Amino acid sequence: MLEHLIRSLTIRDVFASPSLRWADPRAHLLAGAQWEAIAQDVLASLSLTDPVQKHLNDKVLALDAAWKQMAARLEEAARTRWSRW
C-alpha cells in the first residue's frame, strides 16, 4: 500500500497537503482577474509577443514534427542495423 502511494505521489496521481514537494502545482496558478492583471508583464518577461494560443500551436507543431522525424530515423536505424548482419 505504501509503495503504491509513493508511486502515485511521484507521477502526480495524488497530492499531499500541506507539502512543498508533493503539493498540487496547479493550486498556485493565477486565474481570472488575477492573471489578467499581470499577464502582459509575465508574457513580456518571457519574450512571448504572440498570442498564447498561437505560441502553443507553434510548439505543438514543432513537437509533432520532432516525433515524426524521430520515428523515421528509428525505422531507418532498424533497417540499417539488420542489413549489416
PDB file of N, CA and C in Angstrom:
ATOM      1  N   MET A   1       0.820  -1.190   0.000  1.00  0.00           N
ATOM      2  CA  MET A   1       0.000   0.000   0.000  1.00  0.00           C
ATOM      3  C   MET A   1       0.871   1.264   0.000  1.00  0.00           C
ATOM      4  N   LEU A   2       1.893   1.276   0.825  1.00  0.00           N
ATOM      5  CA  LEU A   2       2.774   2.437   0.900  1.00  0.00           C
ATOM      6  C   LEU A   2       3.537   2.634  -0.414  1.00  0.00           C
ATOM      7  N   GLU A   3       3.955   1.532  -1.033  1.00  0.00           N
ATOM      8  CA  GLU A   3       4.650   1.636  -2.316  1.00  0.00           C
ATOM      9  C   GLU A   3       3.740   2.250  -3.375  1.00  0.00           C
ATOM     10  N   HIS A   4       2.466   1.869  -3.362  1.00  0.00           N
ATOM     11  CA  HIS A   4       1.505   2.418  -4.318  1.00  0.00           C
ATOM     12  C   HIS A   4       1.329   3.923  -4.086  1.00  0.00           C
ATOM     13  N   LEU A   5       1.255   4.348  -2.823  1.00  0.00           N
ATOM     14  CA  LEU A   5       1.126   5.769  -2.506  1.00  0.00           C
ATOM     15  C   LEU A   5       2.352   6.542  -2.991  1.00  0.00           C
ATOM     16  N   ILE A   6       3.528   6.013  -2.730  1.00  0.00           N
ATOM     17  CA  ILE A   6       4.757   6.687  -3.152  1.00  0.00           C
ATOM     18  C   ILE A   6       4.810   6.794  -4.675  1.00  0.00           C
ATOM     19  N   ARG A   7       4.441   5.733  -5.376  1.00  0.00           N
ATOM     20  CA  ARG A   7       4.420   5.758  -6.839  1.00  0.00           C
ATOM     21  C   ARG A   7       3.420   6.801  -7.336  1.00  0.00           C
ATOM     22  N   SER A   8       2.254   6.856  -6.703  1.00  0.00           N
ATOM     23  CA  SER A   8       1.226   7.822  -7.108  1.00  0.00           C
ATOM     24  C   SER A   8       1.666   9.257  -6.851  1.00  0.00           C
ATOM     25  N   LEU A   9       2.359   9.482  -5.751  1.00  0.00           N
ATOM     26  CA  LEU A   9       2.886  10.818  -5.472  1.00  0.00           C
ATOM     27  C   LEU A   9       3.924  11.215  -6.519  1.00  0.00           C
ATOM     28  N   THR A  10       4.765  10.279  -6.894  1.00  0.00           N
ATOM     29  CA  THR A  10       5.831  10.548  -7.847  1.00  0.00           C
ATOM     30  C   THR A  10       5.293  10.928  -9.219  1.00  0.00           C
ATOM     31  N   ILE A  11       4.253  10.242  -9.673  1.00  0.00           N
ATOM     32  CA  ILE A  11       3.706  10.541 -11.001  1.00  0.00           C
ATOM     33  C   ILE A  11       2.553  11.534 -10.931  1.00  0.00           C
ATOM     34  N   ARG A  12       2.362  12.122  -9.761  1.00  0.00           N
ATOM     35  CA  ARG A  12       1.368  13.179  -9.548  1.00  0.00           C
ATOM     36  C   ARG A  12      -0.069  12.721  -9.783  1.00  0.00           C
ATOM     37  N   ASP A  13      -0.350  11.467  -9.403  1.00  0.00           N
ATOM     38  CA  ASP A  13      -1.736  10.997  -9.406  1.00  0.00           C
ATOM     39  C   ASP A  13      -2.463  11.465  -8.151  1.00  0.00           C
ATOM     40  N   VAL A  14      -1.721  11.615  -7.062  1.00  0.00           N
ATOM     41  CA  VAL A  14      -2.276  12.123  -5.805  1.00  0.00           C
ATOM     42  C   VAL A  14      -1.358  13.224  -5.296  1.00  0.00           C
ATOM     43  N   PHE A  15      -1.892  14.045  -4.394  1.00  0.00           N
ATOM     44  CA  PHE A  15      -1.130  15.159  -3.846  1.00  0.00           C
ATOM     45  C   PHE A  15      -1.245  15.144  -2.331  1.00  0.00           C
ATOM     46  N   ALA A  16      -0.235  15.663  -1.667  1.00  0.00           N
ATOM     47  CA  ALA A  16      -0.238  15.763  -0.213  1.00  0.00           C
ATOM     48  C   ALA A  16      -0.250  17.239   0.165  1.00  0.00           C
ATOM     49  N   SER A  17      -1.116  17.572   1.082  1.00  0.00           N
ATOM     50  CA  SER A  17      -1.214  18.953   1.524  1.00  0.00           C
ATOM     51  C   SER A  17      -1.237  18.981   3.045  1.00  0.00           C
ATOM     52  N   PRO A  18      -0.505  19.830   3.691  1.00  0.00           N
ATOM     53  CA  PRO A  18       0.428  20.813   3.144  1.00  0.00           C
ATOM     54  C   PRO A  18       1.778  20.162   2.865  1.00  0.00           C
ATOM     55  N   SER A  19       2.339  20.456   1.741  1.00  0.00           N
ATOM     56  CA  SER A  19       3.645  19.939   1.358  1.00  0.00           C
ATOM     57  C   SER A  19       4.197  20.802   0.233  1.00  0.00           C
ATOM     58  N   LEU A  20       5.468  21.085   0.276  1.00  0.00           N
ATOM     59  CA  LEU A  20       6.091  21.814  -0.828  1.00  0.00           C
ATOM     60  C   LEU A  20       6.433  20.860  -1.969  1.00  0.00           C
ATOM     61  N   ARG A  21       6.900  19.676  -1.619  1.00  0.00           N
ATOM     62  CA  ARG A  21       7.346  18.732  -2.636  1.00  0.00           C
ATOM     63  C   ARG A  21       6.191  17.986  -3.299  1.00  0.00           C
ATOM     64  N   TRP A  22       5.176  17.608  -2.526  1.00  0.00           N
ATOM     65  CA  TRP A  22       4.119  16.748  -3.047  1.00  0.00           C
ATOM     66  C   TRP A  22       2.792  17.467  -3.250  1.00  0.00           C
ATOM     67  N   ALA A  23       2.784  18.785  -3.183  1.00  0.00           N
ATOM     68  CA  ALA A  23       1.545  19.548  -3.355  1.00  0.00           C
ATOM     69  C   ALA A  23       1.167  19.627  -4.836  1.00  0.00           C
ATOM     70  N   ASP A  24      -0.068  19.999  -5.089  1.00  0.00           N
ATOM     71  CA  ASP A  24      -0.567  20.154  -6.453  1.00  0.00           C
ATOM     72  C   ASP A  24      -0.031  21.467  -7.020  1.00  0.00           C
ATOM     73  N   PRO A  25       0.850  21.435  -8.028  1.00  0.00           N
ATOM     74  CA  PRO A  25       1.422  22.682  -8.554  1.00  0.00           C
ATOM     75  C   PRO A  25       0.377  23.580  -9.198  1.00  0.00           C
ATOM     76  N   ARG A  26      -0.729  23.011  -9.641  1.00  0.00           N
ATOM     77  CA  ARG A  26      -1.782  23.821 -10.264  1.00  0.00           C
ATOM     78  C   ARG A  26      -2.500  24.699  -9.246  1.00  0.00           C
ATOM     79  N   ALA A  27      -2.380  24.359  -7.972  1.00  0.00           N
ATOM     80  CA  ALA A  27      -3.067  25.125  -6.936  1.00  0.00           C
ATOM     81  C   ALA A  27      -2.525  26.548  -6.820  1.00  0.00           C
ATOM     82  N   HIS A  28      -1.325  26.787  -7.314  1.00  0.00           N
ATOM     83  CA  HIS A  28      -0.701  28.104  -7.199  1.00  0.00           C
ATOM     84  C   HIS A  28      -0.803  28.935  -8.476  1.00  0.00           C
ATOM     85  N   LEU A  29      -1.480  28.412  -9.480  1.00  0.00           N
ATOM     86  CA  LEU A  29      -1.639  29.167 -10.722  1.00  0.00           C
ATOM     87  C   LEU A  29      -2.650  30.288 -10.543  1.00  0.00           C
ATOM     88  N   LEU A  30      -2.396  31.393 -11.198  1.00  0.00           N
ATOM     89  CA  LEU A  30      -3.338  32.506 -11.165  1.00  0.00           C
ATOM     90  C   LEU A  30      -4.408  32.292 -12.220  1.00  0.00           C
ATOM     91  N   ALA A  31      -5.599  32.795 -11.936  1.00  0.00           N
ATOM     92  CA  ALA A  31      -6.701  32.670 -12.893  1.00  0.00           C
ATOM     93  C   ALA A  31      -7.555  33.926 -12.830  1.00  0.00           C
ATOM     94  N   GLY A  32      -8.375  34.081 -13.835  1.00  0.00           N
ATOM     95  CA  GLY A  32      -9.333  35.180 -13.846  1.00  0.00           C
ATOM     96  C   GLY A  32      -8.682  36.541 -13.791  1.00  0.00           C
ATOM     97  N   ALA A  33      -9.223  37.400 -12.940  1.00  0.00           N
ATOM     98  CA  ALA A  33      -8.758  38.786 -12.839  1.00  0.00           C
ATOM     99  C   ALA A  33      -7.306  38.879 -12.376  1.00  0.00           C
ATOM    100  N   GLN A  34      -6.901  37.966 -11.489  1.00  0.00           N
ATOM    101  CA  GLN A  34      -5.506  37.992 -11.021  1.00  0.00           C
ATOM    102  C   GLN A  34      -4.542  37.759 -12.186  1.00  0.00           C
ATOM    103  N   TRP A  35      -4.848  36.779 -13.029  1.00  0.00           N
ATOM    104  CA  TRP A  35      -3.992  36.503 -14.179  1.00  0.00           C
ATOM    105  C   TRP A  35      -4.039  37.650 -15.178  1.00  0.00           C
ATOM    106  N   GLU A  36      -5.227  38.138 -15.474  1.00  0.00           N
ATOM    107  CA  GLU A  36      -5.376  39.222 -16.448  1.00  0.00           C
ATOM    108  C   GLU A  36      -4.591  40.461 -16.024  1.00  0.00           C
ATOM    109  N   ALA A  37      -4.492  40.702 -14.716  1.00  0.00           N
ATOM    110  CA  ALA A  37      -3.795  41.889 -14.219  1.00  0.00           C
ATOM    111  C   ALA A  37      -2.293  41.846 -14.512  1.00  0.00           C
ATOM    112  N   ILE A  38      -1.707  40.668 -14.551  1.00  0.00           N
ATOM    113  CA  ILE A  38      -0.252  40.581 -14.744  1.00  0.00           C
ATOM    114  C   ILE A  38       0.154  39.821 -16.000  1.00  0.00           C
ATOM    115  N   ALA A  39      -0.795  39.353 -16.776  1.00  0.00           N
ATOM    116  CA  ALA A  39      -0.494  38.510 -17.939  1.00  0.00           C
ATOM    117  C   ALA A  39       0.486  39.174 -18.899  1.00  0.00           C
ATOM    118  N   GLN A  40       0.254  40.427 -19.251  1.00  0.00           N
ATOM    119  CA  GLN A  40       1.131  41.096 -20.220  1.00  0.00           C
ATOM    120  C   GLN A  40       2.558  41.217 -19.698  1.00  0.00           C
ATOM    121  N   ASP A  41       2.715  41.513 -18.409  1.00  0.00           N
ATOM    122  CA  ASP A  41       4.059  41.609 -17.831  1.00  0.00           C
ATOM    123  C   ASP A  41       4.766  40.258 -17.852  1.00  0.00           C
ATOM    124  N   VAL A  42       4.040  39.209 -17.502  1.00  0.00           N
ATOM    125  CA  VAL A  42       4.627  37.864 -17.492  1.00  0.00           C
ATOM    126  C   VAL A  42       5.040  37.456 -18.903  1.00  0.00           C
ATOM    127  N   LEU A  43       4.141  37.640 -19.858  1.00  0.00           N
ATOM    128  CA  LEU A  43       4.442  37.257 -21.238  1.00  0.00           C
ATOM    129  C   LEU A  43       5.606  38.069 -21.802  1.00  0.00           C
ATOM    130  N   ALA A  44       5.654  39.356 -21.490  1.00  0.00           N
ATOM    131  CA  ALA A  44       6.757  40.200 -21.961  1.00  0.00           C
ATOM    132  C   ALA A  44       8.083  39.759 -21.334  1.00  0.00           C
ATOM    133  N   SER A  45       8.063  39.397 -20.060  1.00  0.00           N
ATOM    134  CA  SER A  45       9.299  38.961 -19.404  1.00  0.00           C
ATOM    135  C   SER A  45       9.816  37.653 -19.989  1.00  0.00           C
ATOM    136  N   LEU A  46       8.924  36.875 -20.590  1.00  0.00           N
ATOM    137  CA  LEU A  46       9.314  35.627 -21.248  1.00  0.00           C
ATOM    138  C   LEU A  46       9.560  35.818 -22.742  1.00  0.00           C
ATOM    139  N   SER A  47       9.514  37.060 -23.196  1.00  0.00           N
ATOM    140  CA  SER A  47       9.679  37.409 -24.619  1.00  0.00           C
ATOM    141  C   SER A  47       8.653  36.718 -25.505  1.00  0.00           C
ATOM    142  N   LEU A  48       7.440  36.593 -25.002  1.00  0.00           N
ATOM    143  CA  LEU A  48       6.348  35.991 -25.765  1.00  0.00           C
ATOM    144  C   LEU A  48       5.449  37.107 -26.278  1.00  0.00           C
ATOM    145  N   THR A  49       5.659  37.483 -27.522  1.00  0.00           N
ATOM    146  CA  THR A  49       4.883  38.580 -28.089  1.00  0.00           C
ATOM    147  C   THR A  49       3.644  38.093 -28.822  1.00  0.00           C
ATOM    148  N   ASP A  50       3.650  36.833 -29.271  1.00  0.00           N
ATOM    149  CA  ASP A  50       2.483  36.270 -29.954  1.00  0.00           C
ATOM    150  C   ASP A  50       1.392  35.944 -28.942  1.00  0.00           C
ATOM    151  N   PRO A  51       0.156  35.868 -29.398  1.00  0.00           N
ATOM    152  CA  PRO A  51      -0.916  35.407 -28.505  1.00  0.00           C
ATOM    153  C   PRO A  51      -0.589  34.005 -27.975  1.00  0.00           C
ATOM    154  N   VAL A  52      -1.048  33.713 -26.785  1.00  0.00           N
ATOM    155  CA  VAL A  52      -0.729  32.443 -26.130  1.00  0.00           C
ATOM    156  C   VAL A  52      -1.121  31.259 -27.006  1.00  0.00           C
ATOM    157  N   GLN A  53      -2.320  31.283 -27.570  1.00  0.00           N
ATOM    158  CA  GLN A  53      -2.784  30.148 -28.367  1.00  0.00           C
ATOM    159  C   GLN A  53      -1.897  29.910 -29.585  1.00  0.00           C
ATOM    160  N   LYS A  54      -1.447  30.986 -30.235  1.00  0.00           N
ATOM    161  CA  LYS A  54      -0.544  30.829 -31.382  1.00  0.00           C
ATOM    162  C   LYS A  54       0.780  30.228 -30.932  1.00  0.00           C
ATOM    163  N   HIS A  55       1.297  30.704 -29.817  1.00  0.00           N
ATOM    164  CA  HIS A  55       2.553  30.177 -29.280  1.00  0.00           C
ATOM    165  C   HIS A  55       2.425  28.681 -28.998  1.00  0.00           C
ATOM    166  N   LEU A  56       1.330  28.291 -28.348  1.00  0.00           N
ATOM    167  CA  LEU A  56       1.130  26.875 -28.034  1.00  0.00           C
ATOM    168  C   LEU A  56       0.952  26.045 -29.301  1.00  0.00           C
ATOM    169  N   ASN A  57       0.215  26.560 -30.268  1.00  0.00           N
ATOM    170  CA  ASN A  57       0.038  25.836 -31.532  1.00  0.00           C
ATOM    171  C   ASN A  57       1.372  25.628 -32.240  1.00  0.00           C
ATOM    172  N   ASP A  58       2.231  26.646 -32.225  1.00  0.00           N
ATOM    173  CA  ASP A  58       3.560  26.515 -32.829  1.00  0.00           C
ATOM    174  C   ASP A  58       4.372  25.429 -32.125  1.00  0.00           C
ATOM    175  N   LYS A  59       4.281  25.387 -30.804  1.00  0.00           N
ATOM    176  CA  LYS A  59       5.006  24.364 -30.040  1.00  0.00           C
ATOM    177  C   LYS A  59       4.475  22.971 -30.353  1.00  0.00           C
ATOM    178  N   VAL A  60       3.163  22.845 -30.484  1.00  0.00           N
ATOM    179  CA  VAL A  60       2.557  21.552 -30.823  1.00  0.00           C
ATOM    180  C   VAL A  60       3.051  21.085 -32.188  1.00  0.00           C
ATOM    181  N   LEU A  61       3.082  21.989 -33.163  1.00  0.00           N
ATOM    182  CA  LEU A  61       3.559  21.629 -34.499  1.00  0.00           C
ATOM    183  C   LEU A  61       5.031  21.215 -34.478  1.00  0.00           C
ATOM    184  N   ALA A  62       5.843  21.936 -33.722  1.00  0.00           N
ATOM    185  CA  ALA A  62       7.269  21.600 -33.630  1.00  0.00           C
ATOM    186  C   ALA A  62       7.464  20.245 -32.956  1.00  0.00           C
ATOM    187  N   LEU A  63       6.713  19.990 -31.900  1.00  0.00           N
ATOM    188  CA  LEU A  63       6.815  18.709 -31.206  1.00  0.00           C
ATOM    189  C   LEU A  63       6.359  17.566 -32.104  1.00  0.00           C
ATOM    190  N   ASP A  64       5.274  17.770 -32.830  1.00  0.00           N
ATOM    191  CA  ASP A  64       4.776  16.747 -33.746  1.00  0.00           C
ATOM    192  C   ASP A  64       5.811  16.443 -34.828  1.00  0.00           C
ATOM    193  N   ALA A  65       6.435  17.477 -35.374  1.00  0.00           N
ATOM    194  CA  ALA A  65       7.461  17.275 -36.401  1.00  0.00           C
ATOM    195  C   ALA A  65       8.658  16.513 -35.832  1.00  0.00           C
ATOM    196  N   ALA A  66       9.040  16.825 -34.601  1.00  0.00           N
ATOM    197  CA  ALA A  66      10.171  16.137 -33.977  1.00  0.00           C
ATOM    198  C   ALA A  66       9.865  14.659 -33.762  1.00  0.00           C
ATOM    199  N   TRP A  67       8.648  14.349 -33.309  1.00  0.00           N
ATOM    200  CA  TRP A  67       8.257  12.947 -33.118  1.00  0.00           C
ATOM    201  C   TRP A  67       8.269  12.197 -34.443  1.00  0.00           C
ATOM    202  N   LYS A  68       7.750  12.819 -35.497  1.00  0.00           N
ATOM    203  CA  LYS A  68       7.729  12.164 -36.809  1.00  0.00           C
ATOM    204  C   LYS A  68       9.147  11.935 -37.324  1.00  0.00           C
ATOM    205  N   GLN A  69      10.021  12.913 -37.119  1.00  0.00           N
ATOM    206  CA  GLN A  69      11.407  12.769 -37.546  1.00  0.00           C
ATOM    207  C   GLN A  69      12.087  11.642 -36.776  1.00  0.00           C
ATOM    208  N   MET A  70      11.844  11.569 -35.474  1.00  0.00           N
ATOM    209  CA  MET A  70      12.437  10.510 -34.668  1.00  0.00           C
ATOM    210  C   MET A  70      11.932   9.142 -35.117  1.00  0.00           C
ATOM    211  N   ALA A  71      10.627   9.031 -35.387  1.00  0.00           N
ATOM    212  CA  ALA A  71      10.061   7.759 -35.834  1.00  0.00           C
ATOM    213  C   ALA A  71      10.695   7.323 -37.151  1.00  0.00           C
ATOM    214  N   ALA A  72      10.881   8.254 -38.069  1.00  0.00           N
ATOM    215  CA  ALA A  72      11.510   7.922 -39.351  1.00  0.00           C
ATOM    216  C   ALA A  72      12.952   7.475 -39.152  1.00  0.00           C
ATOM    217  N   ARG A  73      13.662   8.139 -38.267  1.00  0.00           N
ATOM    218  CA  ARG A  73      15.057   7.760 -38.009  1.00  0.00           C
ATOM    219  C   ARG A  73      15.145   6.397 -37.340  1.00  0.00           C
ATOM    220  N   LEU A  74      14.202   6.088 -36.451  1.00  0.00           N
ATOM    221  CA  LEU A  74      14.205   4.776 -35.809  1.00  0.00           C
ATOM    222  C   LEU A  74      13.977   3.677 -36.832  1.00  0.00           C
ATOM    223  N   GLU A  75      13.047   3.905 -37.748  1.00  0.00           N
ATOM    224  CA  GLU A  75      12.807   2.918 -38.802  1.00  0.00           C
ATOM    225  C   GLU A  75      14.057   2.727 -39.651  1.00  0.00           C
ATOM    226  N   GLU A  76      14.697   3.821 -40.007  1.00  0.00           N
ATOM    227  CA  GLU A  76      15.920   3.750 -40.813  1.00  0.00           C
ATOM    228  C   GLU A  76      17.034   3.045 -40.050  1.00  0.00           C
ATOM    229  N   ALA A  77      17.175   3.357 -38.775  1.00  0.00           N
ATOM    230  CA  ALA A  77      18.215   2.732 -37.956  1.00  0.00           C
ATOM    231  C   ALA A  77      17.970   1.234 -37.825  1.00  0.00           C
ATOM    232  N   ALA A  78      16.730   0.841 -37.685  1.00  0.00           N
ATOM    233  CA  ALA A  78      16.415  -0.583 -37.567  1.00  0.00           C
ATOM    234  C   ALA A  78      16.777  -1.318 -38.855  1.00  0.00           C
ATOM    235  N   ARG A  79      16.475  -0.732 -39.996  1.00  0.00           N
ATOM    236  CA  ARG A  79      16.811  -1.362 -41.280  1.00  0.00           C
ATOM    237  C   ARG A  79      18.326  -1.435 -41.461  1.00  0.00           C
ATOM    238  N   THR A  80      19.024  -0.384 -41.100  1.00  0.00           N
ATOM    239  CA  THR A  80      20.473  -0.340 -41.254  1.00  0.00           C
ATOM    240  C   THR A  80      21.143  -1.382 -40.378  1.00  0.00           C
ATOM    241  N   ARG A  81      20.691  -1.505 -39.172  1.00  0.00           N
ATOM    242  CA  ARG A  81      21.293  -2.446 -38.237  1.00  0.00           C
ATOM    243  C   ARG A  81      21.137  -3.875 -38.732  1.00  0.00           C
ATOM    244  N   TRP A  82      19.973  -4.211 -39.195  1.00  0.00           N
ATOM    245  CA  TRP A  82      19.732  -5.585 -39.634  1.00  0.00           C
ATOM    246  C   TRP A  82      20.405  -5.874 -40.973  1.00  0.00           C
ATOM    247  N   SER A  83      20.584  -4.862 -41.804  1.00  0.00           N
ATOM    248  CA  SER A  83      21.200  -5.107 -43.105  1.00  0.00           C
ATOM    249  C   SER A  83      22.690  -5.432 -42.977  1.00  0.00           C
ATOM    250  N   ARG A  84      23.302  -5.086 -41.870  1.00  0.00           N
ATOM    251  CA  ARG A  84      24.720  -5.394 -41.660  1.00  0.00           C
ATOM    252  C   ARG A  84      24.926  -6.873 -41.361  1.00  0.00           C
ATOM    253  N   TRP A  85      23.947  -7.532 -40.854  1.00  0.00           N
ATOM    254  CA  TRP A  85      24.102  -8.934 -40.450  1.00  0.00           C
ATOM    255  C   TRP A  85      23.981  -9.774 -41.641  1.00  0.00           C
TER     256      TRP A  85
END
